[in-house]
């Protein structure tokens, strides 16, 4: 038995918007891009130096870059407060193709730096955001884990909502 449904009738409603069009303001360009050389007047914070050193001890190569600009607001997309940003990228390990990055940030008018974004990924490891840089330091020491062990490690953290360093 075949069901028959009534035909669908489309209605078009046209309403004039009484509001004037909003002029779009272009997003401000970065004041310093990460492609530019590190500015002489910006010292490398000790936390960044320590993370890079920890990576080197475990056999990772690092690249750190500086930028300064206005990050988009998380919900509105509008330009936020001006910030200093330092990215630390880790990869180039002879034993694994996994990679990681962490972003250290500080408002231009503020004094306190904080790790804002920490991610890991690899050929068999989908991108995964870590809770903090302590977890990243633990990850740097797991280069010898095979792909199955690494995935289990990340799944354990995801399911339990715990820090990876607790599982090692």
N, C-alpha and C. Protein backbone atom coordinates (compact mmCIF):
# COMPACT_ATOMS: atom_id res chain seq x y z
N UNK A 1 0.84 -1.17 0.00
CA UNK A 1 0.00 0.00 0.00
C UNK A 1 0.89 1.24 0.00
N UNK A 2 0.64 2.13 -0.90
CA UNK A 2 1.43 3.34 -1.03
C UNK A 2 0.69 4.48 -0.38
N UNK A 3 1.40 5.23 0.45
CA UNK A 3 0.78 6.41 1.08
C UNK A 3 0.82 7.56 0.10
N UNK A 4 -0.23 8.31 0.13
CA UNK A 4 -0.27 9.50 -0.70
C UNK A 4 -0.37 10.71 0.22
N UNK A 5 0.48 11.65 -0.04
CA UNK A 5 0.49 12.86 0.77
C UNK A 5 -0.07 14.00 -0.05
N UNK A 6 -0.69 14.96 0.64
CA UNK A 6 -1.21 16.11 -0.12
C UNK A 6 -0.05 16.90 -0.73
N UNK A 7 -0.30 17.61 -1.81
CA UNK A 7 0.79 18.39 -2.43
C UNK A 7 1.28 19.48 -1.50
N UNK A 8 2.56 19.80 -1.61
CA UNK A 8 3.16 20.86 -0.81
C UNK A 8 2.98 22.17 -1.57
N UNK A 9 2.44 23.14 -0.89
CA UNK A 9 2.23 24.44 -1.51
C UNK A 9 3.19 25.41 -0.86
N UNK A 10 4.00 26.06 -1.65
CA UNK A 10 4.97 27.02 -1.13
C UNK A 10 4.38 28.41 -1.15
N UNK A 11 4.61 29.13 -0.08
CA UNK A 11 4.16 30.51 0.00
C UNK A 11 5.39 31.39 0.14
N UNK A 12 5.43 32.44 -0.59
CA UNK A 12 6.53 33.39 -0.49
C UNK A 12 6.01 34.66 0.16
N UNK A 13 6.70 35.06 1.23
CA UNK A 13 6.31 36.27 1.93
C UNK A 13 7.46 37.25 1.77
N UNK A 14 7.16 38.42 1.28
CA UNK A 14 8.18 39.44 1.08
C UNK A 14 7.90 40.57 2.06
N UNK A 15 8.88 40.87 2.88
CA UNK A 15 8.75 41.96 3.85
C UNK A 15 9.88 42.94 3.61
N UNK A 16 9.56 44.18 3.64
CA UNK A 16 10.60 45.20 3.52
C UNK A 16 11.22 45.41 4.89
N UNK A 17 12.52 45.41 4.95
CA UNK A 17 13.22 45.64 6.21
C UNK A 17 13.28 47.14 6.45
N UNK A 18 12.66 47.62 7.53
CA UNK A 18 12.64 49.06 7.77
C UNK A 18 13.98 49.62 8.25
N UNK A 19 14.90 48.75 8.64
CA UNK A 19 16.18 49.22 9.14
C UNK A 19 17.10 49.60 7.99
N UNK A 20 17.92 50.61 8.18
CA UNK A 20 18.89 50.95 7.13
C UNK A 20 19.97 49.88 7.07
N UNK A 21 20.58 49.69 5.91
CA UNK A 21 21.64 48.68 5.82
C UNK A 21 22.81 49.03 6.73
N UNK A 22 23.41 48.00 7.31
CA UNK A 22 24.54 48.18 8.21
C UNK A 22 25.82 48.19 7.38
N UNK A 23 26.62 49.20 7.57
CA UNK A 23 27.89 49.27 6.86
C UNK A 23 28.86 48.26 7.46
N UNK A 24 29.45 47.46 6.64
CA UNK A 24 30.41 46.46 7.12
C UNK A 24 31.78 47.11 7.28
N UNK A 25 32.35 46.89 8.44
CA UNK A 25 33.68 47.42 8.72
C UNK A 25 34.67 46.27 8.53
N UNK A 26 35.71 46.45 7.74
CA UNK A 26 36.67 45.35 7.55
C UNK A 26 37.39 45.03 8.86
N UNK A 27 37.67 43.74 9.02
CA UNK A 27 38.39 43.30 10.22
C UNK A 27 39.79 43.90 10.17
N UNK A 28 40.27 44.44 11.29
CA UNK A 28 41.59 45.08 11.26
C UNK A 28 42.71 44.07 10.97
N UNK A 29 43.63 44.50 10.16
CA UNK A 29 44.79 43.67 9.84
C UNK A 29 45.67 43.54 11.08
N UNK A 30 46.43 42.44 11.19
CA UNK A 30 47.34 42.32 12.34
C UNK A 30 48.35 43.46 12.34
N UNK A 31 48.70 43.90 13.53
CA UNK A 31 49.71 44.94 13.65
C UNK A 31 51.10 44.38 13.40
N UNK A 32 51.30 43.13 13.81
CA UNK A 32 52.53 42.39 13.54
C UNK A 32 52.09 40.99 13.15
N UNK A 33 52.48 40.51 11.97
CA UNK A 33 52.08 39.16 11.57
C UNK A 33 53.13 38.15 12.04
N UNK A 34 52.73 36.90 12.11
CA UNK A 34 53.65 35.85 12.55
C UNK A 34 54.71 35.56 11.50
N UNK A 35 54.57 36.12 10.32
CA UNK A 35 55.57 35.92 9.27
C UNK A 35 56.72 36.92 9.37
N UNK A 36 56.54 37.94 10.17
CA UNK A 36 57.59 38.95 10.34
C UNK A 36 58.62 38.45 11.36
N UNK A 37 59.84 38.98 11.30
CA UNK A 37 60.85 38.59 12.30
C UNK A 37 60.40 39.00 13.71
N UNK A 38 60.91 38.27 14.69
CA UNK A 38 60.58 38.56 16.09
C UNK A 38 61.04 39.98 16.41
N UNK A 39 60.16 40.86 16.95
CA UNK A 39 60.57 42.23 17.27
C UNK A 39 61.62 42.26 18.38
N UNK A 40 62.59 43.14 18.24
CA UNK A 40 63.66 43.26 19.23
C UNK A 40 63.15 43.70 20.60
N UNK A 41 62.05 44.44 20.64
CA UNK A 41 61.55 44.97 21.90
C UNK A 41 60.61 44.00 22.63
N UNK A 42 60.45 42.78 22.11
CA UNK A 42 59.58 41.79 22.75
C UNK A 42 60.44 40.64 23.26
N UNK A 43 60.64 40.54 24.57
CA UNK A 43 61.44 39.42 25.10
C UNK A 43 60.65 38.11 25.02
N UNK A 44 61.37 37.01 24.91
CA UNK A 44 60.72 35.69 24.91
C UNK A 44 60.42 35.31 26.36
N UNK A 45 59.14 35.11 26.72
CA UNK A 45 58.82 34.75 28.10
C UNK A 45 59.46 33.42 28.51
N UNK A 46 59.77 33.29 29.78
CA UNK A 46 60.45 32.09 30.27
C UNK A 46 59.62 30.83 30.05
N UNK A 47 58.29 30.91 30.16
CA UNK A 47 57.45 29.73 29.93
C UNK A 47 57.59 29.21 28.51
N UNK A 48 57.73 30.11 27.56
CA UNK A 48 57.91 29.72 26.16
C UNK A 48 59.27 29.07 25.99
N UNK A 49 60.31 29.65 26.57
CA UNK A 49 61.65 29.07 26.50
C UNK A 49 61.67 27.66 27.10
N UNK A 50 60.99 27.50 28.25
CA UNK A 50 60.96 26.19 28.92
C UNK A 50 60.25 25.14 28.08
N UNK A 51 59.12 25.52 27.46
CA UNK A 51 58.40 24.56 26.61
C UNK A 51 59.28 24.14 25.43
N UNK A 52 59.93 25.09 24.80
CA UNK A 52 60.82 24.78 23.69
C UNK A 52 61.96 23.86 24.14
N UNK A 53 62.54 24.15 25.29
CA UNK A 53 63.63 23.32 25.83
C UNK A 53 63.14 21.91 26.13
N UNK A 54 61.94 21.79 26.71
CA UNK A 54 61.38 20.46 26.99
C UNK A 54 61.21 19.67 25.70
N UNK A 55 60.77 20.34 24.64
CA UNK A 55 60.61 19.68 23.35
C UNK A 55 61.93 19.19 22.79
N UNK A 56 62.95 20.02 22.88
CA UNK A 56 64.28 19.66 22.35
C UNK A 56 64.83 18.45 23.10
N UNK A 57 64.66 18.42 24.42
CA UNK A 57 65.14 17.28 25.21
C UNK A 57 64.51 15.98 24.73
N UNK A 58 63.24 16.02 24.31
CA UNK A 58 62.54 14.82 23.86
C UNK A 58 62.71 14.56 22.35
N UNK A 59 63.52 15.40 21.68
CA UNK A 59 63.80 15.16 20.27
C UNK A 59 62.93 15.93 19.29
N UNK A 60 62.16 16.88 19.74
CA UNK A 60 61.30 17.68 18.88
C UNK A 60 62.04 18.91 18.38
N UNK A 61 61.65 19.37 17.20
CA UNK A 61 62.11 20.65 16.70
C UNK A 61 60.99 21.65 16.97
N UNK A 62 61.36 22.90 17.19
CA UNK A 62 60.32 23.89 17.47
C UNK A 62 60.50 25.12 16.61
N UNK A 63 59.42 25.84 16.49
CA UNK A 63 59.43 27.15 15.85
C UNK A 63 58.53 28.03 16.68
N UNK A 64 59.02 29.19 17.05
CA UNK A 64 58.17 30.11 17.79
C UNK A 64 58.04 31.40 17.01
N UNK A 65 56.83 31.92 17.00
CA UNK A 65 56.54 33.14 16.24
C UNK A 65 55.76 34.10 17.12
N UNK A 66 55.88 35.38 16.81
CA UNK A 66 55.20 36.43 17.55
C UNK A 66 54.26 37.15 16.60
N UNK A 67 53.10 37.52 17.11
CA UNK A 67 52.18 38.38 16.36
C UNK A 67 51.44 39.27 17.34
N UNK A 68 50.84 40.31 16.80
CA UNK A 68 50.09 41.24 17.63
C UNK A 68 48.90 41.72 16.82
N UNK A 69 47.72 41.64 17.43
CA UNK A 69 46.54 42.05 16.70
C UNK A 69 45.28 41.88 17.52
N UNK A 70 44.16 41.87 16.82
CA UNK A 70 42.84 41.81 17.43
C UNK A 70 42.21 40.47 17.09
N UNK A 71 42.05 39.62 18.08
CA UNK A 71 41.44 38.31 17.86
C UNK A 71 39.92 38.47 17.75
N UNK A 72 39.26 37.65 16.92
CA UNK A 72 37.81 37.74 16.81
C UNK A 72 37.13 37.27 18.10
N UNK A 73 36.04 37.92 18.45
CA UNK A 73 35.23 37.52 19.60
C UNK A 73 34.64 36.15 19.30
N UNK A 74 34.58 35.28 20.29
CA UNK A 74 34.15 33.89 20.09
C UNK A 74 32.73 33.76 19.56
N UNK A 75 31.82 34.62 19.96
CA UNK A 75 30.44 34.47 19.52
C UNK A 75 30.00 35.48 18.48
N UNK A 76 30.51 36.70 18.54
CA UNK A 76 30.08 37.72 17.59
C UNK A 76 31.00 37.84 16.39
N UNK A 77 32.25 37.43 16.55
CA UNK A 77 33.22 37.57 15.47
C UNK A 77 33.80 38.97 15.34
N UNK A 78 33.34 39.88 16.17
CA UNK A 78 33.87 41.25 16.11
C UNK A 78 35.29 41.28 16.67
N UNK A 79 36.07 42.28 16.28
CA UNK A 79 37.42 42.37 16.82
C UNK A 79 37.41 42.54 18.34
N UNK A 80 38.24 41.75 19.01
CA UNK A 80 38.35 41.85 20.46
C UNK A 80 39.47 42.79 20.84
N UNK A 81 39.91 42.65 22.06
CA UNK A 81 40.99 43.49 22.56
C UNK A 81 42.30 43.14 21.86
N UNK A 82 43.15 44.12 21.74
CA UNK A 82 44.45 43.90 21.11
C UNK A 82 45.30 43.00 22.01
N UNK A 83 45.98 42.00 21.38
CA UNK A 83 46.75 41.03 22.15
C UNK A 83 48.12 40.79 21.54
N UNK A 84 49.05 40.42 22.43
CA UNK A 84 50.33 39.85 22.02
C UNK A 84 50.09 38.34 21.94
N UNK A 85 50.59 37.68 20.90
CA UNK A 85 50.41 36.24 20.75
C UNK A 85 51.75 35.61 20.39
N UNK A 86 52.07 34.53 21.07
CA UNK A 86 53.28 33.78 20.76
C UNK A 86 52.85 32.35 20.47
N UNK A 87 53.19 31.86 19.29
CA UNK A 87 52.86 30.48 18.92
C UNK A 87 54.13 29.64 19.01
N UNK A 88 54.00 28.48 19.61
CA UNK A 88 55.09 27.51 19.66
C UNK A 88 54.61 26.29 18.89
N UNK A 89 55.30 25.97 17.81
CA UNK A 89 54.95 24.82 16.98
C UNK A 89 56.02 23.76 17.16
N UNK A 90 55.57 22.54 17.41
CA UNK A 90 56.50 21.43 17.66
C UNK A 90 56.25 20.33 16.65
N UNK A 91 57.29 19.83 16.06
CA UNK A 91 57.19 18.76 15.07
C UNK A 91 58.60 18.33 14.69
N UNK A 92 58.72 17.70 13.54
CA UNK A 92 60.03 17.33 13.03
C UNK A 92 60.76 16.30 13.87
N UNK A 93 60.03 15.50 14.62
CA UNK A 93 60.66 14.45 15.43
C UNK A 93 61.08 13.32 14.50
N UNK A 94 62.26 12.74 14.73
CA UNK A 94 62.75 11.68 13.85
C UNK A 94 61.97 10.38 13.99
N UNK A 95 61.28 10.18 15.12
CA UNK A 95 60.59 8.92 15.37
C UNK A 95 59.08 8.97 15.13
N UNK A 96 58.50 10.16 15.01
CA UNK A 96 57.05 10.26 14.84
C UNK A 96 56.71 11.48 13.99
N UNK A 97 55.60 11.39 13.28
CA UNK A 97 55.13 12.52 12.46
C UNK A 97 54.09 13.35 13.21
N UNK A 98 53.87 13.04 14.48
CA UNK A 98 52.90 13.83 15.26
C UNK A 98 53.42 15.26 15.42
N UNK A 99 52.48 16.17 15.67
CA UNK A 99 52.83 17.57 15.84
C UNK A 99 51.98 18.18 16.95
N UNK A 100 52.34 19.38 17.35
CA UNK A 100 51.59 20.09 18.39
C UNK A 100 51.82 21.59 18.24
N UNK A 101 50.92 22.35 18.81
CA UNK A 101 51.17 23.79 18.93
C UNK A 101 50.51 24.30 20.18
N UNK A 102 51.03 25.41 20.66
CA UNK A 102 50.47 26.09 21.82
C UNK A 102 50.58 27.59 21.57
N UNK A 103 49.58 28.33 22.02
CA UNK A 103 49.57 29.78 21.86
C UNK A 103 49.59 30.42 23.25
N UNK A 104 50.53 31.30 23.44
CA UNK A 104 50.70 32.05 24.69
C UNK A 104 50.24 33.46 24.39
N UNK A 105 49.34 34.00 25.19
CA UNK A 105 48.79 35.32 24.87
C UNK A 105 48.72 36.23 26.09
N UNK A 106 48.69 37.52 25.78
CA UNK A 106 48.56 38.55 26.82
C UNK A 106 47.91 39.77 26.19
N UNK A 107 46.90 40.34 26.86
CA UNK A 107 46.35 41.60 26.34
C UNK A 107 47.44 42.68 26.35
N UNK A 108 47.41 43.55 25.36
CA UNK A 108 48.42 44.61 25.28
C UNK A 108 48.40 45.46 26.53
N UNK A 109 47.23 45.69 27.08
CA UNK A 109 47.12 46.50 28.30
C UNK A 109 47.19 45.67 29.57
N UNK A 110 47.48 44.41 29.46
CA UNK A 110 47.58 43.54 30.63
C UNK A 110 49.02 43.17 30.91
N UNK A 111 49.21 42.47 32.02
CA UNK A 111 50.56 42.07 32.41
C UNK A 111 50.74 40.57 32.46
N UNK A 112 49.64 39.80 32.48
CA UNK A 112 49.72 38.37 32.70
C UNK A 112 49.60 37.59 31.40
N UNK A 113 50.60 36.75 31.13
CA UNK A 113 50.56 35.84 30.00
C UNK A 113 49.81 34.58 30.42
N UNK A 114 49.15 33.93 29.46
CA UNK A 114 48.45 32.67 29.73
C UNK A 114 48.47 31.81 28.47
N UNK A 115 48.53 30.49 28.67
CA UNK A 115 48.43 29.57 27.53
C UNK A 115 46.96 29.53 27.13
N UNK A 116 46.68 29.87 25.88
CA UNK A 116 45.29 30.00 25.45
C UNK A 116 44.79 28.83 24.60
N UNK A 117 45.65 28.21 23.85
CA UNK A 117 45.23 27.16 22.93
C UNK A 117 46.35 26.15 22.81
N UNK A 118 46.02 24.87 23.01
CA UNK A 118 47.04 23.81 22.96
C UNK A 118 46.42 22.64 22.19
N UNK A 119 47.04 22.24 21.09
CA UNK A 119 46.50 21.17 20.24
C UNK A 119 47.59 20.18 19.85
N UNK A 120 47.17 18.92 19.65
CA UNK A 120 48.05 17.87 19.15
C UNK A 120 47.36 17.19 17.97
N UNK A 121 48.16 16.60 17.07
CA UNK A 121 47.61 15.85 15.95
C UNK A 121 48.71 15.02 15.32
N UNK A 122 48.31 14.14 14.42
CA UNK A 122 49.27 13.30 13.71
C UNK A 122 48.58 12.52 12.62
N UNK A 123 49.32 11.73 11.86
CA UNK A 123 48.72 10.97 10.76
C UNK A 123 47.56 10.07 11.22
N UNK A 124 47.70 9.42 12.36
CA UNK A 124 46.65 8.55 12.87
C UNK A 124 45.94 9.16 14.09
N UNK A 125 46.25 10.41 14.39
CA UNK A 125 45.69 11.08 15.56
C UNK A 125 44.94 12.33 15.11
N UNK A 126 43.61 12.29 15.13
CA UNK A 126 42.86 13.49 14.74
C UNK A 126 43.21 14.66 15.66
N UNK A 127 43.09 15.89 15.18
CA UNK A 127 43.39 17.05 16.03
C UNK A 127 42.62 16.98 17.35
N UNK A 128 43.32 17.23 18.43
CA UNK A 128 42.71 17.14 19.76
C UNK A 128 43.22 18.28 20.63
N UNK A 129 42.30 19.04 21.18
CA UNK A 129 42.65 20.16 22.06
C UNK A 129 42.95 19.67 23.46
N UNK A 130 44.07 20.10 23.98
CA UNK A 130 44.48 19.73 25.33
C UNK A 130 44.05 20.80 26.32
N UNK A 131 43.97 20.44 27.59
CA UNK A 131 43.53 21.38 28.61
C UNK A 131 44.57 22.43 28.96
N UNK A 132 45.83 22.05 28.90
CA UNK A 132 46.86 22.98 29.35
C UNK A 132 48.22 22.57 28.81
N UNK A 133 49.20 23.39 29.07
CA UNK A 133 50.55 23.13 28.56
C UNK A 133 51.24 22.01 29.34
N UNK A 134 50.82 21.75 30.55
CA UNK A 134 51.37 20.62 31.32
C UNK A 134 51.05 19.32 30.59
N UNK A 135 49.85 19.21 30.06
CA UNK A 135 49.47 18.04 29.28
C UNK A 135 50.30 17.95 28.01
N UNK A 136 50.58 19.09 27.40
CA UNK A 136 51.42 19.09 26.20
C UNK A 136 52.82 18.59 26.54
N UNK A 137 53.35 19.00 27.66
CA UNK A 137 54.69 18.51 28.06
C UNK A 137 54.67 16.99 28.22
N UNK A 138 53.58 16.45 28.74
CA UNK A 138 53.46 15.01 28.87
C UNK A 138 53.41 14.37 27.47
N UNK A 139 52.64 14.98 26.57
CA UNK A 139 52.55 14.48 25.19
C UNK A 139 53.92 14.43 24.53
N UNK A 140 54.76 15.42 24.77
CA UNK A 140 56.08 15.46 24.15
C UNK A 140 56.92 14.24 24.51
N UNK A 141 56.66 13.66 25.68
CA UNK A 141 57.39 12.48 26.12
C UNK A 141 56.79 11.18 25.66
N UNK A 142 55.69 11.23 24.89
CA UNK A 142 55.02 10.00 24.46
C UNK A 142 55.31 9.66 23.01
N UNK A 143 56.35 10.23 22.43
CA UNK A 143 56.63 10.00 21.02
C UNK A 143 56.84 8.52 20.70
N UNK A 144 57.25 7.72 21.68
CA UNK A 144 57.50 6.31 21.43
C UNK A 144 56.22 5.47 21.41
N UNK A 145 55.08 6.04 21.81
CA UNK A 145 53.82 5.30 21.78
C UNK A 145 53.44 5.01 20.33
N UNK A 146 52.94 3.77 20.08
CA UNK A 146 52.44 3.50 18.74
C UNK A 146 51.07 4.17 18.59
N UNK A 147 50.54 4.16 17.36
CA UNK A 147 49.30 4.88 17.09
C UNK A 147 48.13 4.39 17.95
N UNK A 148 48.02 3.07 18.13
CA UNK A 148 46.92 2.52 18.93
C UNK A 148 47.00 3.00 20.38
N UNK A 149 48.21 2.99 20.94
CA UNK A 149 48.38 3.44 22.33
C UNK A 149 48.10 4.93 22.45
N UNK A 150 48.51 5.70 21.46
CA UNK A 150 48.27 7.15 21.50
C UNK A 150 46.77 7.44 21.42
N UNK A 151 46.06 6.75 20.53
CA UNK A 151 44.61 6.94 20.42
C UNK A 151 43.90 6.53 21.70
N UNK A 152 44.34 5.45 22.31
CA UNK A 152 43.74 5.01 23.57
C UNK A 152 43.99 6.05 24.66
N UNK A 153 45.17 6.62 24.67
CA UNK A 153 45.54 7.64 25.64
C UNK A 153 44.62 8.86 25.52
N UNK A 154 44.42 9.33 24.27
CA UNK A 154 43.56 10.48 24.04
C UNK A 154 42.11 10.14 24.32
N UNK A 155 41.66 8.93 23.93
CA UNK A 155 40.27 8.52 24.22
C UNK A 155 40.02 8.45 25.71
N UNK A 156 41.00 7.95 26.46
CA UNK A 156 40.85 7.89 27.92
C UNK A 156 40.64 9.29 28.48
N UNK A 157 41.43 10.23 28.00
CA UNK A 157 41.30 11.60 28.48
C UNK A 157 39.93 12.18 28.10
N UNK A 158 39.50 11.93 26.88
CA UNK A 158 38.22 12.46 26.41
C UNK A 158 37.06 11.88 27.24
N UNK A 159 37.07 10.58 27.46
CA UNK A 159 35.98 9.93 28.18
C UNK A 159 35.95 10.28 29.66
N UNK A 160 37.08 10.34 30.27
CA UNK A 160 37.15 10.60 31.71
C UNK A 160 37.18 12.09 32.02
N UNK A 161 37.45 12.91 31.02
CA UNK A 161 37.53 14.35 31.26
C UNK A 161 38.72 14.72 32.12
N UNK A 162 39.75 13.89 32.05
CA UNK A 162 40.94 14.12 32.88
C UNK A 162 42.07 14.64 32.03
N UNK A 163 43.07 15.08 32.70
CA UNK A 163 44.29 15.53 32.08
C UNK A 163 45.10 14.32 31.65
N UNK A 164 45.70 14.35 30.47
CA UNK A 164 46.48 13.21 29.96
C UNK A 164 47.59 12.83 30.90
N UNK A 165 48.20 13.80 31.59
CA UNK A 165 49.33 13.50 32.45
C UNK A 165 48.96 12.55 33.58
N UNK A 166 47.66 12.45 33.90
CA UNK A 166 47.23 11.52 34.95
C UNK A 166 47.30 10.07 34.46
N UNK A 167 47.27 9.87 33.14
CA UNK A 167 47.24 8.51 32.61
C UNK A 167 48.61 7.91 32.39
N UNK A 168 49.63 8.72 32.49
CA UNK A 168 50.98 8.22 32.20
C UNK A 168 51.63 7.70 33.46
